[in-house]
């Protein structure tokens, strides 16, 4: 079951895709057994560093050889559409995943994440023999347990309840026929682990240990975990029956789970270490952009390290700017961006004009989406020139050829304006797992669900809108719970567009995917006549979402065939 790809007796230090000069140096030491590794202090630490390298595989939800999987989540939501036909999200969007229960993404997620769990268990089983100080060993153990807890969180939100291995280091002679643990058992285990490591990990690391988890990181992942568990998919209206009812969620509703989630987010806030990156003086909402192109700032709580380079620019930007146009935002997302005065485009007095739809929008729109005639750095002139996304425009225009947009839009989130996919400045950024804006909106959502929109809820939401550069940033006073819920869900969509799969997993846990992902998905087709552009909404795809099947990935078929104790997720 969990032996595949785990490297039972040997390991290969391979942080080549996950290096940071502070501590993840790519030392290739080949095949070395455990006795040799843990007799050496440097190799013992390098072994743990190799586990950090596995974070990329869980984040990409694939084999880690390419980066495109990072957007598979966004492009499987109502925010985007995958441009490359080989991606998981294109089949998912049509309820026709290639391979069915044996699809490559589910299999890679299962294998890679359990490989990470086992590496941690190998580390914990051996680290006490290493010639390191007791203080150092204690911290490294806590780091490894954090990584394991994060891996289980990833498994839980992907598959539902999974087998919990504890600290056992399985070998080929062991019995792998383990049943799936319940959702509640998974929750209890992960929460306990995060609580215990939070009490050990430091508030901050020395510069040479930048990128390792801190107390704040453990508390932030716990807040994310508890918010997920309090949400409707897991905490109410559980449609499953028999053993699956306990495996895929709680068996009964408990409102206090919202209170636990709110308290967990508040614990991070009370550390006093984090704040939003805010700069509305340079330009409205500039802090939102600036935060996204930095490696270190006051907002990031935990991130996965990346090499210096042009990762986002290479994958997201148009071909004319050296990029590969991996995914395209939808018109549904574009329509959800408010005007710069904070009003939705459908509200009276918003100032929205359909013939000039990109004027005076929420500043986050301009830092997330490339639209027809949006400026971007040109390689030849080294000046910003319009990107041509109108129908039949040479190179980048709307169409079906490789690297064309199918929605009339491109992503630019986390891209540096002074770079293209293969030119300009390089960026030192990571893959963000948790940042302070997430904590604020988690707190607001959980508090609102538990007791309604009090002053703290208003303050948390308005701080996000203020940083975004909306003017005025205040929201209407006197809202009820349902009205505030709509505001919070809107802010989450806009704030986290194209980021770590937030949107897909949000509409999963809210159990709204069955509505939002069933029906036509739209783009904007611009035509050019002379110097005049005319836009028309167009349907590029009709999505299909089967509930409850598509809320959970299948347990890989080959794992089901090896273990008769496993129960498959519904519909697979």
Protein backbone atom coordinates (compact mmCIF):
# COMPACT_ATOMS: atom_id res chain seq x y z
CA UNK A 1 0.00 0.00 0.00
CA UNK A 2 2.53 2.58 1.10
CA UNK A 3 5.73 0.91 0.00
CA UNK A 4 5.73 2.20 -3.55
CA UNK A 5 8.51 4.65 -4.24
CA UNK A 6 9.61 5.02 -0.62
CA UNK A 7 13.29 4.06 -0.84
CA UNK A 8 13.22 1.62 2.07
CA UNK A 9 16.85 1.20 3.03
CA UNK A 10 18.61 3.92 1.11
CA UNK A 11 18.04 7.49 0.13
CA UNK A 12 19.33 9.94 -2.40
CA UNK A 13 19.82 13.53 -1.32
CA UNK A 14 18.04 15.37 -4.08
CA UNK A 15 16.99 18.89 -3.21
CA UNK A 16 17.86 20.00 -6.73
CA UNK A 17 14.45 21.54 -7.37
CA UNK A 18 13.97 22.84 -3.86
CA UNK A 19 17.12 24.61 -2.90
CA UNK A 20 17.74 27.72 -0.91
CA UNK A 21 21.27 28.79 -0.18
CA UNK A 22 20.38 29.31 3.48
CA UNK A 23 20.07 25.60 4.18
CA UNK A 24 18.91 23.51 1.22
CA UNK A 25 22.18 23.21 -0.69
CA UNK A 26 21.94 20.55 -3.42
CA UNK A 27 24.56 18.09 -2.22
CA UNK A 28 24.42 14.90 -4.28
CA UNK A 29 25.83 12.15 -2.08
CA UNK A 30 24.33 9.26 -3.99
CA UNK A 31 23.09 6.07 -2.36
CA UNK A 32 23.91 5.89 1.34
CA UNK A 33 22.40 3.65 4.01
CA UNK A 34 20.85 4.84 7.25
CA UNK A 35 23.76 3.71 9.43
CA UNK A 36 26.17 5.90 7.49
CA UNK A 37 23.87 8.91 7.26
CA UNK A 38 22.98 9.19 10.93
CA UNK A 39 26.53 8.67 12.11
CA UNK A 40 27.34 12.03 10.52
CA UNK A 41 25.86 15.33 11.70
CA UNK A 42 25.91 17.04 8.30
CA UNK A 43 24.35 14.07 6.52
CA UNK A 44 21.68 13.77 9.19
CA UNK A 45 20.63 17.35 8.58
CA UNK A 46 20.86 16.84 4.82
CA UNK A 47 18.47 13.90 5.15
CA UNK A 48 15.86 16.19 6.69
CA UNK A 49 16.57 18.78 4.01
CA UNK A 50 15.65 16.15 1.42
CA UNK A 51 12.23 15.90 3.08
CA UNK A 52 11.79 19.64 2.54
CA UNK A 53 12.45 18.90 -1.12
CA UNK A 54 9.39 16.63 -1.13
CA UNK A 55 7.16 19.62 -0.31
CA UNK A 56 7.24 20.56 -3.99
CA UNK A 57 5.71 17.25 -4.94
CA UNK A 58 2.76 17.71 -2.58
CA UNK A 59 2.33 21.30 -3.76
CA UNK A 60 2.44 20.42 -7.46
CA UNK A 61 0.25 17.32 -6.96
CA UNK A 62 2.39 15.45 -9.48
CA UNK A 63 5.79 13.90 -9.96
CA UNK A 64 7.65 17.14 -9.43
CA UNK A 65 9.41 17.16 -12.79
CA UNK A 66 7.43 20.15 -14.03
CA UNK A 67 5.89 23.13 -12.35
CA UNK A 68 2.54 23.26 -14.10
CA UNK A 69 0.74 21.29 -11.41
CA UNK A 70 0.80 24.35 -9.18
CA UNK A 71 -2.05 25.81 -11.27
CA UNK A 72 -3.98 22.56 -11.70
CA UNK A 73 -6.09 23.52 -8.68
CA UNK A 74 -6.86 27.05 -9.86
CA UNK A 75 -7.64 25.87 -13.38
CA UNK A 76 -10.00 23.21 -12.04
CA UNK A 77 -12.02 25.93 -10.29
CA UNK A 78 -14.31 28.59 -11.74
CA UNK A 79 -11.34 30.97 -11.72
CA UNK A 80 -9.38 29.47 -14.60
CA UNK A 81 -8.89 27.09 -17.48
CA UNK A 82 -5.78 25.00 -18.10
CA UNK A 83 -4.22 25.73 -21.47
CA UNK A 84 -2.14 22.56 -21.78
CA UNK A 85 -4.25 19.54 -22.74
CA UNK A 86 -2.15 17.10 -20.70
CA UNK A 87 -3.15 18.62 -17.37
CA UNK A 88 -5.37 17.01 -14.74
CA UNK A 89 -7.76 19.94 -14.58
CA UNK A 90 -8.98 19.70 -18.19
CA UNK A 91 -10.37 16.21 -17.62
CA UNK A 92 -11.64 17.14 -14.18
CA UNK A 93 -13.55 20.11 -15.60
CA UNK A 94 -15.53 17.76 -17.82
CA UNK A 95 -16.00 15.07 -15.14
CA UNK A 96 -13.88 12.78 -17.29
CA UNK A 97 -10.48 12.39 -15.61
CA UNK A 98 -8.10 10.36 -17.76
CA UNK A 99 -7.42 7.06 -16.04
CA UNK A 100 -10.40 7.36 -13.71
CA UNK A 101 -9.50 5.94 -10.31
CA UNK A 102 -5.97 5.29 -11.56
CA UNK A 103 -5.31 8.83 -12.79
CA UNK A 104 -1.72 10.01 -12.57
CA UNK A 105 -2.36 13.06 -10.37
CA UNK A 106 -4.16 11.16 -7.61
CA UNK A 107 -1.53 8.43 -7.73
CA UNK A 108 1.34 10.94 -7.59
CA UNK A 109 -0.26 12.78 -4.68
CA UNK A 110 -0.72 9.53 -2.76
CA UNK A 111 2.75 8.15 -3.47
CA UNK A 112 4.69 11.38 -3.06
CA UNK A 113 2.98 12.38 0.15
CA UNK A 114 3.31 8.99 1.80
CA UNK A 115 6.95 8.94 0.69
CA UNK A 116 7.35 12.18 2.60
CA UNK A 117 5.65 10.68 5.67
CA UNK A 118 7.95 7.69 5.63
CA UNK A 119 11.08 9.82 5.25
CA UNK A 120 10.05 11.70 8.38
CA UNK A 121 9.56 8.41 10.23
CA UNK A 122 12.99 7.20 9.11
CA UNK A 123 14.45 10.48 10.36
CA UNK A 124 12.70 10.24 13.74
CA UNK A 125 13.79 6.61 14.14
CA UNK A 126 17.46 7.48 13.64
CA UNK A 127 18.15 11.07 14.62
CA UNK A 128 18.92 10.31 18.28
CA UNK A 129 22.06 8.46 17.08
CA UNK A 130 23.39 11.51 15.26
CA UNK A 131 26.30 13.48 16.77
CA UNK A 132 24.21 16.61 17.36
CA UNK A 133 23.32 18.53 20.50
CA UNK A 134 20.13 17.63 22.34
CA UNK A 135 18.76 21.11 21.62
CA UNK A 136 19.43 20.73 17.90
CA UNK A 137 17.86 17.27 17.78
CA UNK A 138 14.75 18.51 19.57
CA UNK A 139 14.24 21.30 17.06
CA UNK A 140 14.88 19.07 14.05
CA UNK A 141 12.42 16.49 15.35
CA UNK A 142 9.79 19.22 15.65
CA UNK A 143 10.52 20.41 12.11
CA UNK A 144 10.14 16.90 10.72
CA UNK A 145 6.86 16.37 12.57
CA UNK A 146 5.57 19.65 11.16
CA UNK A 147 6.36 18.43 7.65
CA UNK A 148 4.56 15.16 8.36
CA UNK A 149 1.51 16.96 9.77
CA UNK A 150 1.38 19.18 6.68
CA UNK A 151 1.61 16.07 4.49
CA UNK A 152 -1.34 14.48 6.30
CA UNK A 153 -3.33 17.72 5.99
CA UNK A 154 -2.72 17.58 2.24
CA UNK A 155 -3.81 13.93 2.10
CA UNK A 156 -6.92 14.61 4.20
CA UNK A 157 -8.25 17.44 2.06
CA UNK A 158 -7.52 15.44 -1.10
CA UNK A 159 -8.80 11.97 -0.20
CA UNK A 160 -10.66 12.22 3.10
CA UNK A 161 -9.54 9.93 5.91
CA UNK A 162 -6.31 8.05 5.17
CA UNK A 163 -4.26 5.46 7.08
CA UNK A 164 -2.27 7.00 9.93
CA UNK A 165 1.16 5.43 10.34
CA UNK A 166 2.24 7.12 13.55
CA UNK A 167 6.01 6.91 13.97
CA UNK A 168 6.30 3.41 12.49
CA UNK A 169 9.02 2.99 9.88
CA UNK A 170 7.54 0.37 7.60
CA UNK A 171 9.80 -2.10 5.81
CA UNK A 172 9.07 -4.70 3.15
CA UNK A 173 8.46 -7.41 5.76
CA UNK A 174 5.67 -5.43 7.48
CA UNK A 175 1.94 -5.86 7.00
CA UNK A 176 0.74 -3.01 4.80
CA UNK A 177 -2.95 -3.93 4.99
CA UNK A 178 -4.17 -0.99 7.02
CA UNK A 179 -7.71 0.42 6.89
CA UNK A 180 -8.47 4.08 6.31
CA UNK A 181 -8.69 6.03 9.56
CA UNK A 182 -11.76 8.19 10.07
CA UNK A 183 -11.84 11.89 9.30
CA UNK A 184 -12.09 12.64 13.04
CA UNK A 185 -9.06 10.44 13.80
CA UNK A 186 -7.03 12.19 11.10
CA UNK A 187 -8.07 15.58 12.45
CA UNK A 188 -7.20 14.66 16.02
CA UNK A 189 -3.78 13.33 15.04
CA UNK A 190 -2.79 16.29 12.85
CA UNK A 191 -4.03 18.86 15.36
CA UNK A 192 -2.18 17.16 18.22
CA UNK A 193 1.05 17.04 16.23
CA UNK A 194 0.81 20.72 15.30
CA UNK A 195 0.06 21.73 18.89
CA UNK A 196 3.07 19.82 20.17
CA UNK A 197 5.54 21.13 17.59
CA UNK A 198 4.23 24.70 18.01
CA UNK A 199 5.36 24.49 21.63
CA UNK A 200 8.89 23.55 20.49
CA UNK A 201 9.57 25.50 17.32
CA UNK A 202 11.07 29.00 17.66
CA UNK A 203 9.17 32.18 16.90
CA UNK A 204 11.86 33.10 14.38
CA UNK A 205 14.93 31.45 12.86
CA UNK A 206 18.42 32.75 12.28
CA UNK A 207 19.03 33.94 8.69
CA UNK A 208 20.84 30.74 7.74
CA UNK A 209 17.74 28.72 8.68
CA UNK A 210 15.28 30.83 6.74
CA UNK A 211 12.57 28.65 5.25
CA UNK A 212 12.27 26.24 8.15
CA UNK A 213 8.93 26.17 10.00
CA UNK A 214 8.35 28.31 13.05
CA UNK A 215 5.79 28.36 15.83
CA UNK A 216 3.68 30.64 13.65
CA UNK A 217 3.84 28.19 10.74
CA UNK A 218 2.55 25.33 12.91
CA UNK A 219 -0.26 27.47 14.29
CA UNK A 220 -1.14 28.75 10.81
CA UNK A 221 -1.46 25.26 9.32
CA UNK A 222 -3.58 24.30 12.33
CA UNK A 223 -5.87 27.27 11.68
CA UNK A 224 -6.20 26.24 8.02
CA UNK A 225 -6.93 22.65 9.07
CA UNK A 226 -9.60 23.60 11.62
CA UNK A 227 -11.34 26.01 9.24
CA UNK A 228 -11.56 23.23 6.68
CA UNK A 229 -13.01 20.84 9.25
CA UNK A 230 -15.63 23.35 10.44
CA UNK A 231 -16.90 23.92 6.90
CA UNK A 232 -20.09 22.43 5.39
CA UNK A 233 -18.48 19.62 3.38
CA UNK A 234 -17.13 18.03 6.55
CA UNK A 235 -19.26 19.47 9.35
CA UNK A 236 -22.83 19.32 8.06
CA UNK A 237 -25.03 17.59 5.53
CA UNK A 238 -22.64 14.65 5.23
CA UNK A 239 -24.33 12.74 2.36
CA UNK A 240 -22.31 9.57 2.75
CA UNK A 241 -23.51 6.37 4.38
CA UNK A 242 -21.96 3.33 6.01
CA UNK A 243 -18.22 3.47 6.80
CA UNK A 244 -17.65 6.32 4.34
CA UNK A 245 -19.72 8.66 6.49
CA UNK A 246 -17.03 8.67 9.17
CA UNK A 247 -14.15 8.55 6.68
CA UNK A 248 -15.16 11.61 4.64
CA UNK A 249 -16.32 13.97 7.38
CA UNK A 250 -17.79 14.30 10.83
CA UNK A 251 -20.90 12.27 11.45
CA UNK A 252 -22.80 15.16 13.05
CA UNK A 253 -22.72 18.96 13.04
CA UNK A 254 -20.98 20.86 15.84
CA UNK A 255 -21.06 24.67 15.75
CA UNK A 256 -18.18 24.85 18.23
CA UNK A 257 -15.83 23.74 15.45
CA UNK A 258 -16.14 27.26 14.03
CA UNK A 259 -15.10 28.63 17.42
CA UNK A 260 -12.03 26.37 17.47
CA UNK A 261 -11.06 27.58 14.00
CA UNK A 262 -11.47 31.23 15.01
CA UNK A 263 -9.39 30.70 18.15
CA UNK A 264 -6.65 29.00 16.13
CA UNK A 265 -6.41 31.95 13.73
CA UNK A 266 -6.45 34.37 16.66
CA UNK A 267 -3.49 32.51 18.19
CA UNK A 268 -1.45 33.45 15.11
CA UNK A 269 -2.66 37.05 15.24
CA UNK A 270 -1.74 37.30 18.92
CA UNK A 271 1.88 36.40 18.19
CA UNK A 272 2.28 39.97 16.94
CA UNK A 273 4.89 38.89 14.38
CA UNK A 274 3.01 39.30 11.12
CA UNK A 275 1.36 42.17 9.28
CA UNK A 276 0.08 42.87 5.80
CA UNK A 277 2.52 44.35 3.28
CA UNK A 278 0.80 47.65 2.58
CA UNK A 279 1.83 50.39 0.16
CA UNK A 280 -0.84 52.57 -1.37
CA UNK A 281 1.54 55.51 -1.82
CA UNK A 282 3.51 54.06 -4.73
CA UNK A 283 0.24 53.04 -6.40
CA UNK A 284 -3.14 51.83 -5.14
CA UNK A 285 -2.73 48.25 -3.94
CA UNK A 286 0.99 48.19 -4.70
CA UNK A 287 1.67 46.33 -1.46
CA UNK A 288 -0.35 43.38 -2.78
CA UNK A 289 1.91 43.18 -5.83
CA UNK A 290 5.11 43.89 -3.91
CA UNK A 291 4.34 41.17 -1.39
CA UNK A 292 4.00 38.67 -4.23
CA UNK A 293 7.43 39.26 -5.73
CA UNK A 294 9.37 39.19 -2.45
CA UNK A 295 11.10 36.23 -0.85
CA UNK A 296 10.92 37.61 2.67
CA UNK A 297 8.37 40.01 4.10
CA UNK A 298 6.20 40.67 7.14
CA UNK A 299 3.23 38.77 5.69
CA UNK A 300 4.67 35.37 4.84
CA UNK A 301 4.31 32.77 7.57
CA UNK A 302 5.50 29.67 5.74
CA UNK A 303 6.59 29.06 2.18
CA UNK A 304 8.28 26.36 0.13
CA UNK A 305 11.71 27.41 -1.04
CA UNK A 306 12.50 27.93 -4.72
CA UNK A 307 15.66 28.61 -6.66
CA UNK A 308 16.28 32.13 -7.84
CA UNK A 309 14.85 32.45 -11.33
CA UNK A 310 11.74 33.37 -13.32
CA UNK A 311 9.44 30.51 -12.33
CA UNK A 312 6.11 32.33 -12.52
CA UNK A 313 7.11 34.44 -15.51
CA UNK A 314 8.20 31.34 -17.45
CA UNK A 315 4.93 29.50 -16.96
CA UNK A 316 2.32 32.26 -16.91
CA UNK A 317 3.31 35.06 -19.29
CA UNK A 318 2.38 35.11 -23.00
CA UNK A 319 4.66 33.67 -25.64
CA UNK A 320 5.51 37.18 -26.85
CA UNK A 321 7.06 37.77 -23.42
CA UNK A 322 8.91 34.46 -23.28
CA UNK A 323 6.23 32.63 -21.31
CA UNK A 324 4.19 29.48 -21.82
CA UNK A 325 0.66 30.69 -21.02
CA UNK A 326 -0.10 27.78 -18.72
CA UNK A 327 -3.59 28.85 -17.67
CA UNK A 328 -6.24 31.45 -18.42
CA UNK A 329 -8.53 33.33 -16.00
CA UNK A 330 -12.27 33.14 -16.66
CA UNK A 331 -14.76 35.93 -17.25
CA UNK A 332 -16.53 34.79 -14.08
CA UNK A 333 -13.45 35.73 -12.06
CA UNK A 334 -12.94 39.02 -13.91
CA UNK A 335 -16.57 39.99 -13.28
CA UNK A 336 -16.09 39.41 -9.55
CA UNK A 337 -13.43 42.12 -9.24
CA UNK A 338 -15.07 45.19 -7.77
CA UNK A 339 -14.55 48.73 -8.97
CA UNK A 340 -11.85 50.83 -7.32
CA UNK A 341 -14.57 52.42 -5.16
CA UNK A 342 -15.25 49.02 -3.62
CA UNK A 343 -18.61 48.47 -5.32
CA UNK A 344 -19.33 45.32 -7.31
CA UNK A 345 -19.85 46.00 -11.01
CA UNK A 346 -23.56 45.15 -10.67
CA UNK A 347 -24.16 47.62 -7.83
CA UNK A 348 -25.83 50.99 -8.48
CA UNK A 349 -23.26 53.76 -8.54
CA UNK A 350 -20.33 51.47 -9.25
CA UNK A 351 -19.34 53.39 -12.37
CA UNK A 352 -18.85 50.24 -14.42
CA UNK A 353 -19.04 50.72 -18.20
CA UNK A 354 -19.36 47.55 -20.29
CA UNK A 355 -17.50 48.99 -23.29
CA UNK A 356 -14.46 49.86 -21.13
CA UNK A 357 -14.64 47.03 -18.60
CA UNK A 358 -11.05 47.21 -17.38
CA UNK A 359 -11.06 50.82 -16.20
CA UNK A 360 -11.08 51.68 -12.50
CA UNK A 361 -11.23 48.15 -11.16
CA UNK A 362 -10.04 46.74 -7.83
CA UNK A 363 -6.23 47.23 -8.00
CA UNK A 364 -5.73 43.51 -7.35
CA UNK A 365 -7.21 42.88 -10.80
CA UNK A 366 -4.28 44.61 -12.50
CA UNK A 367 -1.77 42.59 -10.43
CA UNK A 368 -3.45 39.26 -11.22
CA UNK A 369 -4.83 39.32 -14.77
CA UNK A 370 -3.39 40.26 -18.16
CA UNK A 371 -6.26 41.49 -20.35
CA UNK A 372 -6.32 42.67 -23.96
CA UNK A 373 -3.97 45.67 -24.34
CA UNK A 374 -2.61 45.38 -20.79
CA UNK A 375 1.02 46.60 -20.74
CA UNK A 376 3.97 44.27 -20.15
CA UNK A 377 7.72 44.60 -20.56
CA UNK A 378 8.81 43.99 -24.16
CA UNK A 379 12.11 42.20 -24.64
CA UNK A 380 13.33 44.18 -27.64
CA UNK A 381 12.44 47.72 -26.62
CA UNK A 382 12.73 47.13 -22.85
CA UNK A 383 9.61 49.24 -22.46
CA UNK A 384 6.08 48.24 -21.56
CA UNK A 385 3.92 47.57 -24.60
CA UNK A 386 0.33 46.34 -24.95
CA UNK A 387 -0.26 42.59 -25.02
CA UNK A 388 -2.51 41.70 -27.96
CA UNK A 389 -5.11 39.16 -26.82
CA UNK A 390 -7.82 40.00 -29.33
CA UNK A 391 -9.08 37.32 -31.71
CA UNK A 392 -6.57 36.33 -34.41
CA UNK A 393 -3.86 38.64 -33.08
CA UNK A 394 -0.46 37.27 -34.10
CA UNK A 395 1.24 35.27 -31.36
CA UNK A 396 -0.83 35.68 -28.21
CA UNK A 397 -4.33 36.33 -29.53
CA UNK A 398 -7.46 34.42 -28.62
CA UNK A 399 -7.57 31.11 -30.46
CA UNK A 400 -6.90 27.39 -30.28
CA UNK A 401 -3.26 27.26 -31.38
CA UNK A 402 -0.56 26.47 -28.81
CA UNK A 403 0.08 29.37 -26.44
CA UNK A 404 -3.08 31.22 -27.49
CA UNK A 405 -5.54 32.24 -24.80
CA UNK A 406 -8.93 30.53 -24.83
CA UNK A 407 -10.59 33.00 -22.44
CA UNK A 408 -9.12 36.30 -23.61
CA UNK A 409 -7.02 36.58 -20.43
CA UNK A 410 -3.72 35.40 -18.97
CA UNK A 411 -2.47 35.06 -15.41
CA UNK A 412 0.27 37.34 -14.11
CA UNK A 413 0.04 36.65 -10.37
CA UNK A 414 3.47 36.69 -8.64
CA UNK A 415 5.13 37.81 -11.90
CA UNK A 416 7.68 40.61 -11.72
CA UNK A 417 6.76 43.50 -14.02
CA UNK A 418 10.42 43.93 -14.91
CA UNK A 419 10.81 40.44 -16.35
CA UNK A 420 9.64 38.13 -19.07
CA UNK A 421 9.76 34.37 -19.15
CA UNK A 422 13.37 34.37 -20.33
CA UNK A 423 14.64 37.92 -19.82
CA UNK A 424 14.77 40.73 -17.30
CA UNK A 425 15.24 40.51 -13.55
CA UNK A 426 15.19 37.23 -11.68
CA UNK A 427 13.03 36.72 -8.62
CA UNK A 428 13.77 35.19 -5.25
CA UNK A 429 10.36 33.97 -4.23
CA UNK A 430 8.88 30.80 -2.80
CA UNK A 431 5.58 28.96 -3.01
CA UNK A 432 3.39 30.47 -0.31
CA UNK A 433 1.68 27.98 2.01
CA UNK A 434 0.42 30.52 4.53
CA UNK A 435 0.41 34.30 4.81
CA UNK A 436 -1.17 36.76 7.19
CA UNK A 437 -4.02 37.75 4.86
CA UNK A 438 -5.19 34.13 5.01
CA UNK A 439 -5.15 34.20 8.80
CA UNK A 440 -7.23 37.39 8.89
CA UNK A 441 -9.86 36.01 6.52
CA UNK A 442 -9.89 32.64 8.29
CA UNK A 443 -10.54 34.44 11.55
CA UNK A 444 -13.25 36.58 9.98
CA UNK A 445 -15.02 33.61 8.38
CA UNK A 446 -14.94 31.37 11.44
CA UNK A 447 -16.00 34.14 13.83
CA UNK A 448 -18.83 35.22 11.55
CA UNK A 449 -20.12 31.65 11.28
CA UNK A 450 -19.98 31.12 15.03
CA UNK A 451 -21.35 34.40 16.35
CA UNK A 452 -22.03 36.75 13.46
CA UNK A 453 -20.25 39.86 12.16
CA UNK A 454 -18.81 41.56 15.23
CA UNK A 455 -16.32 44.45 15.23
CA UNK A 456 -13.32 42.13 14.92
CA UNK A 457 -14.78 40.57 11.78
CA UNK A 458 -15.25 44.01 10.22
CA UNK A 459 -11.72 45.01 11.17
CA UNK A 460 -10.15 41.89 9.65
CA UNK A 461 -12.04 42.19 6.35
CA UNK A 462 -11.53 45.94 6.02
CA UNK A 463 -7.79 45.62 6.63
CA UNK A 464 -7.58 43.35 3.56
CA UNK A 465 -9.58 45.81 1.47
CA UNK A 466 -7.53 48.76 2.70
CA UNK A 467 -4.27 47.08 1.69
CA UNK A 468 -5.83 46.30 -1.69
CA UNK A 469 -6.11 50.04 -2.38
CA UNK A 470 -9.90 50.21 -2.49
CA UNK A 471 -11.22 53.67 -1.69
CA UNK A 472 -13.33 53.66 0.33
CA UNK A 473 -12.33 50.31 1.78
CA UNK A 474 -15.08 50.15 4.41
CA UNK A 475 -17.97 47.71 4.01
CA UNK A 476 -21.61 48.40 4.82
CA UNK A 477 -22.38 48.53 8.55
CA UNK A 478 -25.06 46.40 10.17
CA UNK A 479 -24.73 43.33 7.97
CA UNK A 480 -26.17 40.00 9.07
CA UNK A 481 -24.26 36.71 9.01
CA UNK A 482 -25.34 35.78 5.48
CA UNK A 483 -24.39 39.17 4.04
CA UNK A 484 -21.00 39.10 5.73
CA UNK A 485 -20.45 35.53 4.55
CA UNK A 486 -20.87 36.72 0.95
CA UNK A 487 -18.36 39.54 1.50
CA UNK A 488 -15.79 37.22 3.07
CA UNK A 489 -16.13 34.64 0.32
CA UNK A 490 -15.73 37.38 -2.27
CA UNK A 491 -12.59 38.69 -0.58
CA UNK A 492 -11.09 35.21 -0.39
CA UNK A 493 -11.65 34.69 -4.11
CA UNK A 494 -10.04 37.97 -5.10
CA UNK A 495 -7.21 38.01 -2.54
CA UNK A 496 -6.06 34.45 -3.32
CA UNK A 497 -6.71 34.18 -7.06
CA UNK A 498 -4.20 31.76 -8.64
CA UNK A 499 -2.64 31.04 -5.25
CA UNK A 500 -2.10 27.56 -3.75
CA UNK A 501 -5.46 26.23 -4.91
CA UNK A 502 -7.40 28.40 -2.46
CA UNK A 503 -10.43 28.83 -4.69
CA UNK A 504 -10.94 25.16 -5.53
CA UNK A 505 -10.59 23.98 -1.96
CA UNK A 506 -12.75 26.87 -0.73
CA UNK A 507 -15.67 25.98 -2.99
CA UNK A 508 -15.15 22.34 -2.04
CA UNK A 509 -15.34 22.95 1.70
CA UNK A 510 -18.28 25.36 1.25
CA UNK A 511 -19.91 22.65 -0.88
CA UNK A 512 -20.72 25.17 -3.62
CA UNK A 513 -18.65 23.51 -6.36
CA UNK A 514 -21.65 21.45 -7.47
CA UNK A 515 -23.35 24.72 -8.44
CA UNK A 516 -20.40 26.83 -9.58
CA UNK A 517 -18.75 24.10 -11.65
CA UNK A 518 -21.85 22.89 -13.46
CA UNK A 519 -22.57 24.95 -16.57
CA UNK A 520 -20.96 27.27 -19.10
CA UNK A 521 -17.62 28.92 -18.39
CA UNK A 522 -17.02 32.19 -20.18
CA UNK A 523 -14.28 34.34 -21.60
CA UNK A 524 -14.14 37.66 -23.47
CA UNK A 525 -13.56 37.68 -27.22
CA UNK A 526 -12.22 41.00 -28.47
CA UNK A 527 -12.21 41.83 -32.17
CA UNK A 528 -10.22 44.67 -33.70
CA UNK A 529 -11.51 46.94 -36.46
CA UNK A 530 -9.01 49.67 -37.28
CA UNK A 531 -8.01 50.97 -33.86
CA UNK A 532 -11.31 50.03 -32.20
CA UNK A 533 -11.85 46.96 -30.04
CA UNK A 534 -15.25 45.36 -29.53
CA UNK A 535 -15.77 42.73 -26.85
CA UNK A 536 -18.32 39.93 -26.59
CA UNK A 537 -18.74 37.26 -23.95
CA UNK A 538 -18.13 33.76 -25.23
CA UNK A 539 -18.52 30.27 -23.79
CA UNK A 540 -15.30 28.30 -24.06
CA UNK A 541 -16.43 25.23 -22.12
CA UNK A 542 -19.43 23.71 -20.40
CA UNK A 543 -18.31 22.25 -17.10
CA UNK A 544 -19.68 19.19 -15.38
CA UNK A 545 -19.34 18.38 -11.68
CA UNK A 546 -20.60 15.13 -10.18
CA UNK A 547 -21.39 15.34 -6.47
CA UNK A 548 -20.27 13.84 -4.14
CA UNK A 549 -17.73 12.07 -6.36
CA UNK A 550 -15.64 15.05 -7.36
CA UNK A 551 -15.22 16.52 -3.89
CA UNK A 552 -12.66 13.78 -3.21
CA UNK A 553 -9.92 12.21 -5.27
CA UNK A 554 -10.09 8.45 -5.70
CA UNK A 555 -7.87 6.15 -3.72
CA UNK A 556 -5.56 5.03 -6.56
CA UNK A 557 -6.86 1.85 -8.16
CA UNK A 558 -3.58 0.02 -7.77
CA UNK A 559 -3.70 0.74 -4.02
CA UNK A 560 -7.28 -0.55 -3.87
CA UNK A 561 -6.20 -3.74 -5.63
CA UNK A 562 -3.43 -4.33 -3.09
CA UNK A 563 -5.53 -3.75 0.04
CA UNK A 564 -8.95 -5.30 0.56
CA UNK A 565 -9.46 -3.21 3.71
CA UNK A 566 -9.68 0.01 1.72
CA UNK A 567 -13.07 1.55 0.93
CA UNK A 568 -13.14 3.59 -2.28
CA UNK A 569 -14.47 7.14 -2.34
CA UNK A 570 -18.00 7.59 -3.75
CA UNK A 571 -18.43 7.47 -7.52
CA UNK A 572 -14.98 6.09 -8.29
